[in-house]
Each structure stands twice: as structure tokens, then as C-alpha cells.
Amino acid sequence: MIDVETTGLSAGRDRVVEIAVVNTDLSGRIVDTWTTLINPGGSVGATHIHGITNADVRHAPSFAAVAGEVTSRLAGRALVAHNARFDLAFLKAEYARAGWQLPACPYLCTLDASWSYLPHLSRRRLPDCCYASGIELQEAHSALGDASATAALLASFLHPHRQPRHQHTRLPAQAVDVAWPSVPRNAVSTVPRTPRVEATPAAPGSLAALLDDLPLSSVLEEGAPQATTAYVELLAEALEDGILTDDEASALAELAKTYALTRQQVDAAHRGFLLALAHKAVEDGKVTRAERNDLLATAAVLGFADGIVKAVLDEATAALHESRSNECRPLPDPWPHGDPLRIGQGVAFTGCDELERARLEGRAQAAGLRVTGGVSRKTAVLVTDGADAGTSKARAARQYGTRIVTPTVFAELVAYVQPVTPAEPPPASRPASSTEPRKVATPANAAQPAGLPTVDPSAVRSWARQQGWPIGVRGRLPADVVAAYHAAHAEQ
């Protein structure tokens, strides 16, 4: 088992600041551990992540000084790491800087292997895999803590009741034949890390809030190839502090090469990631200015134009409305309250008992309504007990002709919120004429057959359900469904 803590994400520019090697027997049981801080010859980078300060490494050995010790512990063994390509890329770079060449070693990535052993996880970070396997992860983001946890994870994968994969169990035999360089093993004093500095939590409302429990599965559902899993996990980790710097964006481009990803795969991963964030942003029924700004900043560093943020938010909102529409109850007969409220409409409150108002606002948001802080021409209803008709909201409602209802009536309205009013399909869902070139980009989650115009996913899903196709509210649209939609509309 090997784990490295680094000054950044780029193996070409950044350096190792801590390394741990944990050797195990064939069952994954730990038999030996070794770790030390490494002096990178410059800044240690993100202390708030790995907990290592510049002072900690001042008297630590360089990687070149411990290269012989590392070689003696790795030679003849299969290498195991979580997100192994990342650790091995840094290991290879450090060997090269020291004048040696890291051989091509058989290795097992426990992140990749988790798809076989833990297929139902929504995220596949080391803490996620450990938690799912009943393993306690101590001192996360310390090299020895992560390497020891990876060893325990490997042991759980190799347990007989899991029926370990043959390609995994044969790796130790393959490792015996690997020729390692003859690196002198010098007597060097290791330097242990000091107690870690706790990370400062991100400010409320930052991008980190959207990432808090973002399922990796949702990124894949929105079009990211499974081959990009490890890359997307590092992208999410880079964003955990609420920002993605230009240096981090540049390092991610290098990581894509490390993972042997094509430009098309990276683009699809970025679109899927941004769309998954948009789904998180809209799921509470509103998108705050901070969330929109975070999405704009993320889109920019991922290479997208500003317009994609509106596009992905619109698509996420449409998917959310469609999902909630399936849960709407039919109106009772008779229905005494006139036009029903519809998903996506705005409602405002003024006056009312504080507890009752909080309860009704929660029910409104759960039903897909937008609770607004003021009254505008777009506000569907104003809820008030009538105790103070002179509030600014009440005056605005009278000015705009907004419907005013009591809390009792609103409770019935919100119990029978109806789907969004059907509208004419947007231009993107109609076939383009030969004289009018299409300017709308293909949505990330639409499997677009060659030669057919771009479609609006929500229009296809709505039509497909009417025809009896088993279509979900999210994920990639099957190509045969899209083709059938085009064929049906071409006849109209």
C-alpha cells in the first residue's frame, strides 16, 4: 500500500510532502509500516487539506534521500492505492527528479475496484469506501492513515465471502518479475508529522455546500463516462474549499492525461458535473445568487461560456418539475378555489402566525412552489391572515392584481398543486429547416443519433411516457427513444 500527500494536483509541477508504505501479506493483513514527511524544496501547499506546515518539513529528508528506502519496500510487491494513478504519477515524477526511473508495476486501484466490490456507492472517496466496509479511517489526509485504511479496504475486498477477482489475486505473482533500479539505501532519519491543522469549513452558501453530498452517480447519470470516475472525484475534492483556482484547473488538465482520458471524455465529465451541481442547486426550489455565481465561476474554469449555466439550470429545473409532477394529486370534484397552483409558481407570505407560516412555507417548497421574499407581477398568490392590509406585500398584491388567500385556503391549494401548464414545445425540440442552421448545443444527457436535430430532453421524456416508454426523469436518453420521437414528430 502506498499513499502520498502533495503540494497540489500536478505531478509535473507539484511535489510530495509525505509518503507512507504499508506492506501486507496475501490476505491484506498489515505486516509492516513506514512513513515520513518529505521536504519538497518549497512551499507545502494546501495545509488546510493535508495538515502539514512549512515548519513541519524544514528538517525532513528530500525524496531523493529516501528513494532507496522506498525502493526496498516496494520492489517485488504489487502496488495498491486509492486513486492509484494519482499516487503513482507523483511517485514516478519524484523518481525522475532523483535520477531514477520507476518501473511499470502491476497495481490495484481500490477506487476502481470498488465498482466491483461496492457497486451501490454514490461516492467513492476513501472515507466513503471505508464507511461502507465498516472500516474506521483515522487521520484522513495523512499518508499513513490513508495507506492503513486502504490496506484494511483491500483486506475486505480479498475476504473469501466476496469472491475476489482473479485479476486482483494474481498481481503479487506478477510483481516478482518486475526489475527495479538499484537505488542505494541510505540511513536516513524519518520525520513524523505533527498533529494536523484542522481544515477551516467553507462559508455557508458556498460551492462546498452543493458538493457536500453530491452523489458521483448523478454525475455519471448526466453523461460523464465511468472511466472519468477518479478524475471527477479529484475535481470535486479540488472544489471542496469552495473555489477552483486557475492553477488547479491547469493541474486537472494534466490529470486528464494521467488518466488517459480523451478530450471528449473530459468534456462529457465537465458537463455532467456541472449539470449534477445544477440539480443540487434547484432541488430546494430556488437558486440563490451565491449558488448562481459559484456555478458561473465553476463553468468558467471548466472552459464553458456563461450561457451554459442558464441552460443547465433550466434543464435541472425542468427535470425537478417533471419529477414532482408525477406526484401531483388530481383535483377533487368539486374544486372551490378557482385556478390551482402549479409547480414552479411563486408564492409570498405576509403576516400570519409565525409557526403556521413556517409550516406552510415548508409545504410549499416541498410541493415545488417558489417561496419569494416579495410580490411581483409573476407572484401567483399572497398568503395573509389579513391582520395588516398595509404591508408592502399587501399593497403590491393589490397593485398587480395578485390573488390573496388565507392560510386555510392556501393549505388546500398546496395540497393539490398541479403540474406545470403544458406549453408549446420549445424551438430546440422541433426539426430544423434546411435554411435555418441549428445553434443549440446538444444537451449532456441526450443520446443524439447522428443526422438528427438537437432535442429538448424534457419534451422527449414527456412524449415517451405518453407512449408507454419506461423513461426516468434524469440520465441519458436512449438513442432509440430519441429516434422514435423524431420519427413521430416528422409525420406531424
Protein backbone atom coordinates (compact mmCIF):
# COMPACT_ATOMS: atom_id res chain seq x y z
CA MET A 1 0.00 0.00 0.00
CA ILE A 2 1.29 3.44 -0.84
CA ASP A 3 -0.08 6.91 -0.22
CA VAL A 4 1.39 10.36 -0.81
CA GLU A 5 0.33 13.82 0.34
CA THR A 6 1.27 16.51 -2.15
CA THR A 7 1.62 20.26 -2.57
CA GLY A 8 -1.02 20.23 -5.34
CA LEU A 9 -2.65 18.19 -8.08
CA SER A 10 0.00 18.36 -10.82
CA ALA A 11 2.67 15.66 -10.72
CA GLY A 12 4.68 17.72 -13.21
CA ARG A 13 4.78 20.89 -11.07
CA ASP A 14 3.88 19.86 -7.51
CA ARG A 15 5.83 17.73 -5.05
CA VAL A 16 5.36 15.00 -2.46
CA VAL A 17 5.33 16.28 1.14
CA GLU A 18 4.59 12.98 2.91
CA ILE A 19 4.80 9.33 1.94
CA ALA A 20 3.73 6.09 3.62
CA VAL A 21 4.34 2.47 2.61
CA VAL A 22 2.29 -0.24 4.28
CA ASN A 23 3.20 -3.84 3.46
CA THR A 24 0.65 -6.64 3.87
CA ASP A 25 0.50 -10.38 3.44
CA LEU A 26 -1.52 -12.02 0.66
CA SER A 27 -4.75 -11.67 2.67
CA GLY A 28 -4.26 -7.93 3.13
CA ARG A 29 -3.16 -8.12 6.78
CA ILE A 30 -0.62 -5.41 7.67
CA VAL A 31 2.88 -6.73 8.45
CA ASP A 32 4.96 -3.53 8.29
CA THR A 33 4.53 0.27 8.07
CA TRP A 34 6.87 3.12 7.21
CA THR A 35 6.24 6.84 6.79
CA THR A 36 8.00 10.18 6.76
CA LEU A 37 7.45 13.80 5.87
CA ILE A 38 9.31 14.95 2.76
CA ASN A 39 10.93 18.33 2.25
CA PRO A 40 9.63 19.46 -1.17
CA GLY A 41 12.19 22.23 -1.54
CA GLY A 42 9.48 24.87 -1.50
CA SER A 43 6.01 25.58 -0.13
CA VAL A 44 3.99 22.66 1.21
CA GLY A 45 0.85 23.98 -0.49
CA ALA A 46 -2.62 23.38 0.92
CA THR A 47 -2.02 22.98 4.67
CA HIS A 48 -5.80 23.25 5.25
CA ILE A 49 -6.17 19.92 3.40
CA HIS A 50 -3.21 17.76 4.42
CA GLY A 51 -2.38 19.49 7.74
CA ILE A 52 1.36 19.83 7.01
CA THR A 53 3.11 23.17 7.51
CA ASN A 54 6.34 24.55 6.08
CA ALA A 55 7.85 24.32 9.57
CA ASP A 56 6.99 20.60 9.75
CA VAL A 57 9.14 19.73 6.72
CA ARG A 58 12.07 22.07 7.42
CA HIS A 59 14.25 19.20 8.73
CA ALA A 60 12.58 16.39 6.78
CA PRO A 61 14.57 14.42 4.18
CA SER A 62 14.20 15.03 0.45
CA PHE A 63 12.60 12.35 -1.67
CA ALA A 64 15.97 11.58 -3.25
CA ALA A 65 17.35 10.80 0.22
CA VAL A 66 14.64 8.21 0.93
CA ALA A 67 14.32 6.81 -2.61
CA GLY A 68 16.44 3.77 -1.65
CA GLU A 69 14.27 3.02 1.39
CA VAL A 70 11.10 3.39 -0.66
CA THR A 71 12.52 1.12 -3.38
CA SER A 72 13.46 -1.59 -0.90
CA ARG A 73 9.91 -1.60 0.47
CA LEU A 74 8.16 -1.60 -2.91
CA ALA A 75 10.37 -3.89 -5.01
CA GLY A 76 8.83 -7.29 -5.68
CA ARG A 77 5.41 -6.23 -4.44
CA ALA A 78 2.17 -5.30 -6.18
CA LEU A 79 1.29 -1.68 -5.50
CA VAL A 80 -2.10 -0.73 -4.06
CA ALA A 81 -3.52 2.76 -3.59
CA HIS A 82 -6.85 4.54 -3.60
CA ASN A 83 -6.99 6.51 -6.86
CA ALA A 84 -3.71 4.80 -7.71
CA ARG A 85 -2.89 6.68 -10.90
CA PHE A 86 -2.63 9.89 -8.89
CA ASP A 87 -0.16 8.47 -6.35
CA LEU A 88 1.85 6.59 -8.98
CA ALA A 89 2.12 9.69 -11.18
CA PHE A 90 3.71 11.60 -8.28
CA LEU A 91 5.92 8.65 -7.40
CA LYS A 92 7.13 8.43 -11.00
CA ALA A 93 7.86 12.17 -11.11
CA GLU A 94 9.81 12.10 -7.84
CA TYR A 95 11.91 9.14 -9.02
CA ALA A 96 12.67 11.01 -12.24
CA ARG A 97 13.76 14.14 -10.34
CA ALA A 98 16.11 11.95 -8.26
CA GLY A 99 17.63 10.47 -11.42
CA TRP A 100 15.87 7.10 -11.38
CA GLN A 101 13.09 5.51 -13.39
CA LEU A 102 10.06 3.98 -11.69
CA PRO A 103 9.34 0.66 -13.42
CA ALA A 104 5.92 -0.26 -14.78
CA CYS A 105 4.48 -2.13 -11.81
CA PRO A 106 1.29 -4.19 -11.52
CA TYR A 107 -1.06 -2.26 -9.28
CA LEU A 108 -4.56 -2.33 -7.86
CA CYS A 109 -6.63 0.84 -7.50
CA THR A 110 -9.13 0.35 -4.68
CA LEU A 111 -11.26 3.19 -6.08
CA ASP A 112 -11.64 1.38 -9.43
CA ALA A 113 -12.08 -1.96 -7.67
CA SER A 114 -14.88 -0.52 -5.54
CA TRP A 115 -17.17 -0.66 -8.60
CA SER A 116 -16.94 -4.47 -8.34
CA TYR A 117 -16.88 -4.89 -4.56
CA LEU A 118 -19.09 -1.94 -3.53
CA PRO A 119 -21.28 -1.36 -6.59
CA HIS A 120 -24.01 0.72 -4.94
CA LEU A 121 -21.99 3.62 -3.52
CA SER A 122 -22.92 7.15 -4.57
CA ARG A 123 -19.39 8.48 -3.83
CA ARG A 124 -16.12 6.52 -3.95
CA ARG A 125 -13.68 8.55 -1.90
CA LEU A 126 -11.60 6.56 0.56
CA PRO A 127 -13.82 7.60 3.53
CA ASP A 128 -16.93 6.51 1.56
CA CYS A 129 -15.50 3.08 0.74
CA CYS A 130 -14.22 2.60 4.29
CA TYR A 131 -17.56 3.55 5.84
CA ALA A 132 -19.41 1.15 3.53
CA SER A 133 -17.00 -1.64 4.55
CA GLY A 134 -17.17 -0.97 8.29
CA ILE A 135 -13.58 0.34 8.43
CA GLU A 136 -12.56 3.18 10.72
CA LEU A 137 -10.47 5.77 8.88
CA GLN A 138 -8.19 7.56 11.32
CA GLU A 139 -6.22 10.69 10.40
CA ALA A 140 -7.68 11.15 6.93
CA HIS A 141 -5.34 13.01 4.55
CA SER A 142 -2.31 11.74 6.42
CA ALA A 143 -0.20 9.36 4.34
CA LEU A 144 -0.03 6.62 6.98
CA GLY A 145 -3.70 6.99 7.95
CA ASP A 146 -4.87 6.72 4.35
CA ALA A 147 -2.45 3.88 3.49
CA SER A 148 -3.52 1.87 6.54
CA ALA A 149 -7.19 2.38 5.70
CA THR A 150 -6.51 1.31 2.12
CA ALA A 151 -4.87 -1.85 3.45
CA ALA A 152 -7.97 -2.60 5.51
CA LEU A 153 -10.13 -1.93 2.46
CA LEU A 154 -8.01 -4.32 0.39
CA ALA A 155 -8.37 -6.98 3.08
CA SER A 156 -12.16 -6.61 2.94
CA PHE A 157 -12.07 -6.95 -0.87
CA LEU A 158 -9.92 -10.08 -0.61
CA HIS A 159 -12.13 -11.72 2.01
CA PRO A 160 -13.33 -15.13 0.77
CA HIS A 161 -17.02 -14.21 1.10
CA ARG A 162 -16.56 -11.52 -1.57
CA GLN A 163 -15.08 -13.91 -4.14
CA PRO A 164 -12.08 -11.72 -5.04
CA ARG A 165 -11.46 -11.10 -8.73
CA HIS A 166 -8.83 -13.39 -10.27
CA GLN A 167 -7.03 -10.46 -11.90
CA HIS A 168 -6.55 -8.94 -8.45
CA THR A 169 -5.27 -12.05 -6.66
CA ARG A 170 -2.63 -12.76 -9.33
CA LEU A 171 -0.96 -9.32 -9.06
CA PRO A 172 1.61 -10.36 -6.36
CA ALA A 173 3.00 -13.10 -8.62
CA GLN A 174 3.33 -10.66 -11.49
CA ALA A 175 5.17 -8.16 -9.27
CA VAL A 176 8.00 -10.59 -8.53
CA ASP A 177 9.30 -10.34 -12.09
CA VAL A 178 9.49 -6.53 -12.19
CA ALA A 179 13.05 -5.18 -12.40
CA TRP A 180 13.58 -2.21 -10.06
CA PRO A 181 16.57 0.16 -10.25
CA SER A 182 19.43 -0.42 -7.81
CA VAL A 183 18.91 2.67 -5.66
CA PRO A 184 21.35 2.98 -2.72
CA ARG A 185 19.56 2.56 0.61
CA ASN A 186 20.94 5.31 2.81
CA ALA A 187 20.47 5.57 6.55
CA VAL A 188 18.07 8.49 6.81
CA SER A 189 16.12 9.61 9.86
CA THR A 190 12.39 9.80 9.20
CA VAL A 191 10.39 12.79 10.39
CA PRO A 192 6.84 12.07 11.61
CA ARG A 193 4.08 14.60 11.10
CA THR A 194 2.89 16.85 13.90
CA PRO A 195 -0.80 16.86 14.90
CA ARG A 196 -2.71 18.07 11.87
CA VAL A 197 -4.24 21.51 11.49
CA GLU A 198 -7.99 21.23 11.22
CA ALA A 199 -9.45 22.43 7.93
CA THR A 200 -11.47 25.62 8.04
CA PRO A 201 -15.04 24.83 6.99
CA ALA A 202 -16.33 26.55 3.89
CA ALA A 203 -18.63 29.52 4.38
CA PRO A 204 -22.37 28.76 4.24
CA GLY A 205 -23.84 29.16 0.79
CA SER A 206 -20.52 28.47 -0.96
CA LEU A 207 -19.94 25.90 -3.67
CA ALA A 208 -18.85 23.49 -0.95
CA ALA A 209 -22.47 23.31 0.21
CA LEU A 210 -23.54 21.95 -3.17
CA LEU A 211 -20.69 19.42 -3.08
CA ASP A 212 -21.41 18.30 0.48
CA ASP A 213 -23.38 15.21 -0.51
CA LEU A 214 -23.25 15.35 -4.30
CA PRO A 215 -23.62 11.74 -5.50
CA LEU A 216 -20.97 10.75 -8.02
CA SER A 217 -23.65 8.55 -9.56
CA SER A 218 -25.60 11.68 -10.52
CA VAL A 219 -22.59 12.97 -12.48
CA LEU A 220 -22.49 9.69 -14.38
CA GLU A 221 -26.26 9.87 -14.97
CA GLU A 222 -25.74 13.26 -16.58
CA GLY A 223 -23.33 11.89 -19.18
CA ALA A 224 -19.90 11.57 -17.53
CA PRO A 225 -18.20 8.33 -18.71
CA GLN A 226 -17.43 5.80 -15.96
CA ALA A 227 -13.76 6.00 -16.99
CA THR A 228 -13.71 9.53 -15.58
CA THR A 229 -14.72 8.47 -12.06
CA ALA A 230 -11.33 9.05 -10.42
CA TYR A 231 -10.88 12.34 -12.30
CA VAL A 232 -14.30 13.60 -11.18
CA GLU A 233 -13.56 12.68 -7.57
CA LEU A 234 -10.41 14.81 -7.68
CA LEU A 235 -12.35 17.62 -9.37
CA ALA A 236 -14.87 17.56 -6.52
CA GLU A 237 -12.04 17.45 -3.96
CA ALA A 238 -10.37 20.46 -5.57
CA LEU A 239 -13.65 22.34 -5.23
CA GLU A 240 -14.28 21.42 -1.59
CA ASP A 241 -12.84 24.74 -0.40
CA GLY A 242 -15.49 26.50 -2.49
CA ILE A 243 -13.20 27.66 -5.32
CA LEU A 244 -11.27 26.26 -8.25
CA THR A 245 -8.16 28.31 -8.94
CA ASP A 246 -6.55 28.67 -12.34
CA ASP A 247 -3.62 26.57 -11.09
CA GLU A 248 -5.99 23.80 -10.02
CA ALA A 249 -7.79 23.97 -13.37
CA SER A 250 -4.44 23.65 -15.15
CA ALA A 251 -3.48 20.72 -12.92
CA LEU A 252 -6.77 19.00 -13.75
CA ALA A 253 -5.87 19.21 -17.43
CA GLU A 254 -2.64 17.36 -16.62
CA LEU A 255 -4.57 14.82 -14.56
CA ALA A 256 -6.75 14.05 -17.57
CA LYS A 257 -3.59 12.97 -19.38
CA THR A 258 -2.52 10.91 -16.37
CA TYR A 259 -5.83 9.04 -16.53
CA ALA A 260 -5.50 8.68 -20.34
CA LEU A 261 -8.81 10.48 -20.91
CA THR A 262 -9.75 11.87 -24.30
CA ARG A 263 -10.92 15.45 -24.75
CA GLN A 264 -14.42 14.16 -25.45
CA GLN A 265 -14.46 12.19 -22.17
CA VAL A 266 -13.25 15.21 -20.18
CA ASP A 267 -15.82 17.50 -21.80
CA ALA A 268 -18.59 15.00 -21.03
CA ALA A 269 -17.36 14.71 -17.43
CA HIS A 270 -17.35 18.50 -17.03
CA ARG A 271 -20.85 18.85 -18.46
CA GLY A 272 -22.15 16.03 -16.27
CA PHE A 273 -20.51 17.53 -13.20
CA LEU A 274 -21.95 20.99 -13.87
CA LEU A 275 -25.42 19.58 -14.54
CA ALA A 276 -25.31 17.50 -11.35
CA LEU A 277 -24.41 20.67 -9.42
CA ALA A 278 -27.33 22.45 -11.09
CA HIS A 279 -29.69 19.68 -9.93
CA LYS A 280 -28.42 20.18 -6.39
CA ALA A 281 -28.88 23.94 -6.64
CA VAL A 282 -32.53 23.75 -7.74
CA GLU A 283 -33.72 20.90 -5.56
CA ASP A 284 -34.86 23.27 -2.79
CA GLY A 285 -36.96 25.20 -5.31
CA LYS A 286 -34.74 28.26 -5.62
CA VAL A 287 -31.25 29.19 -6.76
CA THR A 288 -29.51 31.80 -4.62
CA ARG A 289 -27.30 34.48 -6.08
CA ALA A 290 -24.30 32.87 -4.37
CA GLU A 291 -25.11 29.48 -5.92
CA ARG A 292 -25.52 31.02 -9.36
CA ASN A 293 -22.21 32.89 -9.00
CA ASP A 294 -20.49 29.69 -7.90
CA LEU A 295 -21.86 27.85 -10.92
CA LEU A 296 -20.72 30.67 -13.22
CA ALA A 297 -17.22 30.58 -11.73
CA THR A 298 -17.06 26.79 -12.00
CA ALA A 299 -18.28 26.88 -15.59
CA ALA A 300 -15.64 29.45 -16.47
CA VAL A 301 -12.68 27.47 -15.12
CA LEU A 302 -14.01 24.32 -16.79
CA GLY A 303 -13.97 26.13 -20.12
CA PHE A 304 -17.69 26.82 -20.62
CA ALA A 305 -19.34 30.06 -21.71
CA ASP A 306 -21.66 31.79 -19.22
CA GLY A 307 -24.72 30.72 -21.20
CA ILE A 308 -24.32 27.09 -20.16
CA VAL A 309 -25.24 27.93 -16.56
CA LYS A 310 -28.69 29.13 -17.57
CA ALA A 311 -29.04 26.09 -19.83
CA VAL A 312 -28.15 23.55 -17.14
CA LEU A 313 -30.26 25.32 -14.52
CA ASP A 314 -33.23 25.34 -16.91
CA GLU A 315 -32.74 21.65 -17.64
CA ALA A 316 -32.36 20.80 -13.95
CA THR A 317 -35.47 22.83 -13.10
CA ALA A 318 -37.46 21.11 -15.85
CA ALA A 319 -36.36 17.70 -14.55
CA LEU A 320 -37.31 18.66 -10.99
CA HIS A 321 -40.72 19.93 -12.11
CA GLU A 322 -41.30 16.78 -14.13
CA SER A 323 -40.37 14.58 -11.19
CA ARG A 324 -42.73 16.44 -8.87
CA SER A 325 -45.48 16.48 -11.49
CA ASN A 326 -45.63 12.69 -11.27
CA GLU A 327 -46.55 13.04 -7.58
CA CYS A 328 -49.39 15.56 -8.06
CA ARG A 329 -52.84 14.56 -6.85
CA PRO A 330 -55.84 15.09 -9.13
CA LEU A 331 -58.14 17.94 -8.15
CA PRO A 332 -61.19 16.84 -6.16
CA ASP A 333 -64.64 17.37 -7.65
CA PRO A 334 -65.96 19.89 -6.81
CA TRP A 335 -62.94 22.21 -6.53
CA PRO A 336 -63.96 25.52 -4.94
CA HIS A 337 -60.73 27.53 -5.21
CA GLY A 338 -60.53 28.51 -8.87
CA ASP A 339 -57.25 28.07 -10.70
CA PRO A 340 -54.98 25.64 -8.88
CA LEU A 341 -51.38 26.45 -8.12
CA ARG A 342 -48.83 24.88 -10.42
CA ILE A 343 -45.29 23.65 -9.84
CA GLY A 344 -42.74 26.41 -10.23
CA GLN A 345 -45.10 29.27 -9.41
CA GLY A 346 -44.08 31.87 -6.83
CA VAL A 347 -45.93 32.45 -3.58
CA ALA A 348 -45.37 35.10 -0.91
CA PHE A 349 -46.41 35.44 2.73
CA THR A 350 -47.19 38.43 4.91
CA GLY A 351 -48.44 38.43 8.48
CA CYS A 352 -49.74 35.02 9.66
CA ASP A 353 -48.83 33.13 12.79
CA GLU A 354 -45.08 32.51 12.79
CA LEU A 355 -45.25 28.73 13.28
CA GLU A 356 -48.11 28.32 10.80
CA ARG A 357 -46.24 30.38 8.23
CA ALA A 358 -43.06 28.31 8.64
CA ARG A 359 -45.10 25.11 8.21
CA LEU A 360 -46.85 26.36 5.06
CA GLU A 361 -43.61 27.66 3.54
CA GLY A 362 -42.04 24.24 4.04
CA ARG A 363 -45.03 22.51 2.44
CA ALA A 364 -44.94 24.97 -0.47
CA GLN A 365 -41.28 24.28 -1.20
CA ALA A 366 -41.78 20.53 -0.88
CA ALA A 367 -44.62 20.76 -3.43
CA GLY A 368 -42.41 22.57 -5.95
CA LEU A 369 -43.56 26.14 -5.37
CA ARG A 370 -41.14 29.06 -5.05
CA VAL A 371 -41.41 30.99 -1.79
CA THR A 372 -40.40 34.56 -2.60
CA GLY A 373 -39.45 37.46 -0.38
CA GLY A 374 -41.63 39.98 -2.24
CA VAL A 375 -44.61 40.32 -4.55
CA SER A 376 -44.17 40.91 -8.29
CA ARG A 377 -46.32 40.51 -11.40
CA LYS A 378 -45.19 36.87 -11.53
CA THR A 379 -46.35 36.03 -7.98
CA ALA A 380 -49.26 33.57 -8.09
CA VAL A 381 -50.70 34.16 -4.61
CA LEU A 382 -50.09 36.17 -1.48
CA VAL A 383 -50.90 34.32 1.75
CA THR A 384 -52.06 36.56 4.60
CA ASP A 385 -54.33 36.45 7.62
CA GLY A 386 -55.48 39.99 6.77
CA ALA A 387 -54.38 41.41 10.11
CA ASP A 388 -52.35 44.16 8.43
CA ALA A 389 -53.54 45.19 5.00
CA GLY A 390 -50.97 47.96 4.82
CA THR A 391 -47.81 45.87 4.41
CA SER A 392 -45.67 46.47 1.32
CA LYS A 393 -46.52 42.98 0.06
CA ALA A 394 -50.24 43.51 0.50
CA ARG A 395 -50.07 46.86 -1.32
CA ALA A 396 -48.06 45.30 -4.17
CA ALA A 397 -50.54 42.41 -4.45
CA ARG A 398 -53.43 44.86 -4.84
CA GLN A 399 -51.45 46.86 -7.39
CA TYR A 400 -50.63 43.82 -9.54
CA GLY A 401 -53.95 42.05 -9.06
CA THR A 402 -52.26 39.13 -7.32
CA ARG A 403 -54.65 36.63 -5.79
CA ILE A 404 -54.79 36.96 -1.96
CA VAL A 405 -55.72 33.88 0.08
CA THR A 406 -55.96 32.94 3.74
CA PRO A 407 -53.63 30.34 5.30
CA THR A 408 -56.56 27.89 5.41
CA VAL A 409 -57.25 28.20 1.68
CA PHE A 410 -53.55 28.04 0.88
CA ALA A 411 -53.24 24.79 2.82
CA GLU A 412 -55.79 23.26 0.41
CA LEU A 413 -54.14 24.84 -2.64
CA VAL A 414 -50.72 23.46 -1.72
CA ALA A 415 -52.19 20.01 -1.10
CA TYR A 416 -53.33 19.91 -4.74
CA VAL A 417 -50.51 21.64 -6.59
CA GLN A 418 -50.77 20.68 -10.27
CA PRO A 419 -48.12 20.04 -12.94
CA VAL A 420 -46.65 22.89 -14.95
CA THR A 421 -49.11 24.17 -17.55
CA PRO A 422 -48.40 22.36 -20.85
CA ALA A 423 -46.79 24.71 -23.34
CA GLU A 424 -45.74 24.61 -26.97
CA PRO A 425 -42.52 22.57 -27.33
CA PRO A 426 -39.51 24.90 -27.38
CA PRO A 427 -37.76 25.50 -30.71
CA ALA A 428 -34.98 23.11 -29.77
CA SER A 429 -37.46 20.19 -29.93
CA ARG A 430 -38.68 20.91 -33.48
CA PRO A 431 -36.78 19.71 -36.55
CA ALA A 432 -34.59 22.41 -38.06
CA SER A 433 -35.34 23.60 -41.56
CA SER A 434 -32.71 23.28 -44.26
CA THR A 435 -32.41 27.08 -44.41
CA GLU A 436 -32.09 27.63 -40.66
CA PRO A 437 -28.88 26.28 -39.11
CA ARG A 438 -29.23 24.95 -35.59
CA LYS A 439 -27.47 26.93 -32.88
CA VAL A 440 -28.48 24.94 -29.80
CA ALA A 441 -25.84 22.68 -28.30
CA THR A 442 -26.66 19.02 -27.71
CA PRO A 443 -27.72 18.51 -24.07
CA ALA A 444 -25.27 16.50 -21.97
CA ASN A 445 -27.82 13.80 -21.18
CA ALA A 446 -29.30 13.26 -24.62
CA ALA A 447 -28.06 10.35 -26.71
CA GLN A 448 -28.33 12.10 -30.06
CA PRO A 449 -28.48 9.82 -33.14
CA ALA A 450 -26.31 11.02 -36.00
CA GLY A 451 -28.05 13.25 -38.52
CA LEU A 452 -30.96 14.25 -36.29
CA PRO A 453 -31.52 17.73 -34.88
CA THR A 454 -30.95 18.53 -31.22
CA VAL A 455 -33.90 17.95 -28.90
CA ASP A 456 -35.10 19.25 -25.56
CA PRO A 457 -34.81 16.26 -23.12
CA SER A 458 -37.94 17.22 -21.14
CA ALA A 459 -40.02 17.24 -24.34
CA VAL A 460 -38.76 13.78 -25.29
CA ARG A 461 -39.41 12.39 -21.79
CA SER A 462 -42.95 13.76 -21.71
CA TRP A 463 -43.75 12.32 -25.16
CA ALA A 464 -42.10 8.97 -24.36
CA ARG A 465 -44.16 8.46 -21.19
CA GLN A 466 -47.34 9.17 -23.12
CA GLN A 467 -46.34 6.38 -25.50
CA GLY A 468 -45.63 3.96 -22.65
CA TRP A 469 -41.81 4.06 -22.75
CA PRO A 470 -40.22 3.40 -19.30
CA ILE A 471 -38.26 6.68 -19.06
CA GLY A 472 -36.84 8.19 -15.87
CA VAL A 473 -36.68 11.89 -15.06
CA ARG A 474 -32.90 12.04 -15.36
CA GLY A 475 -29.99 10.30 -17.01
CA ARG A 476 -29.03 9.64 -20.61
CA LEU A 477 -31.93 9.26 -23.04
CA PRO A 478 -31.75 6.01 -25.05
CA ALA A 479 -30.95 6.65 -28.71
CA ASP A 480 -33.90 4.57 -29.89
CA VAL A 481 -36.31 6.73 -27.85
CA VAL A 482 -34.87 9.92 -29.35
CA ALA A 483 -35.10 8.43 -32.84
CA ALA A 484 -38.73 7.38 -32.24
CA TYR A 485 -39.54 10.89 -31.02
CA HIS A 486 -38.13 12.38 -34.23
CA ALA A 487 -39.95 9.88 -36.39
CA ALA A 488 -43.26 10.65 -34.68
CA HIS A 489 -42.86 14.40 -34.99
CA ALA A 490 -41.67 14.25 -38.57
CA GLU A 491 -45.10 12.89 -39.50
CA GLN A 492 -46.90 15.87 -37.96
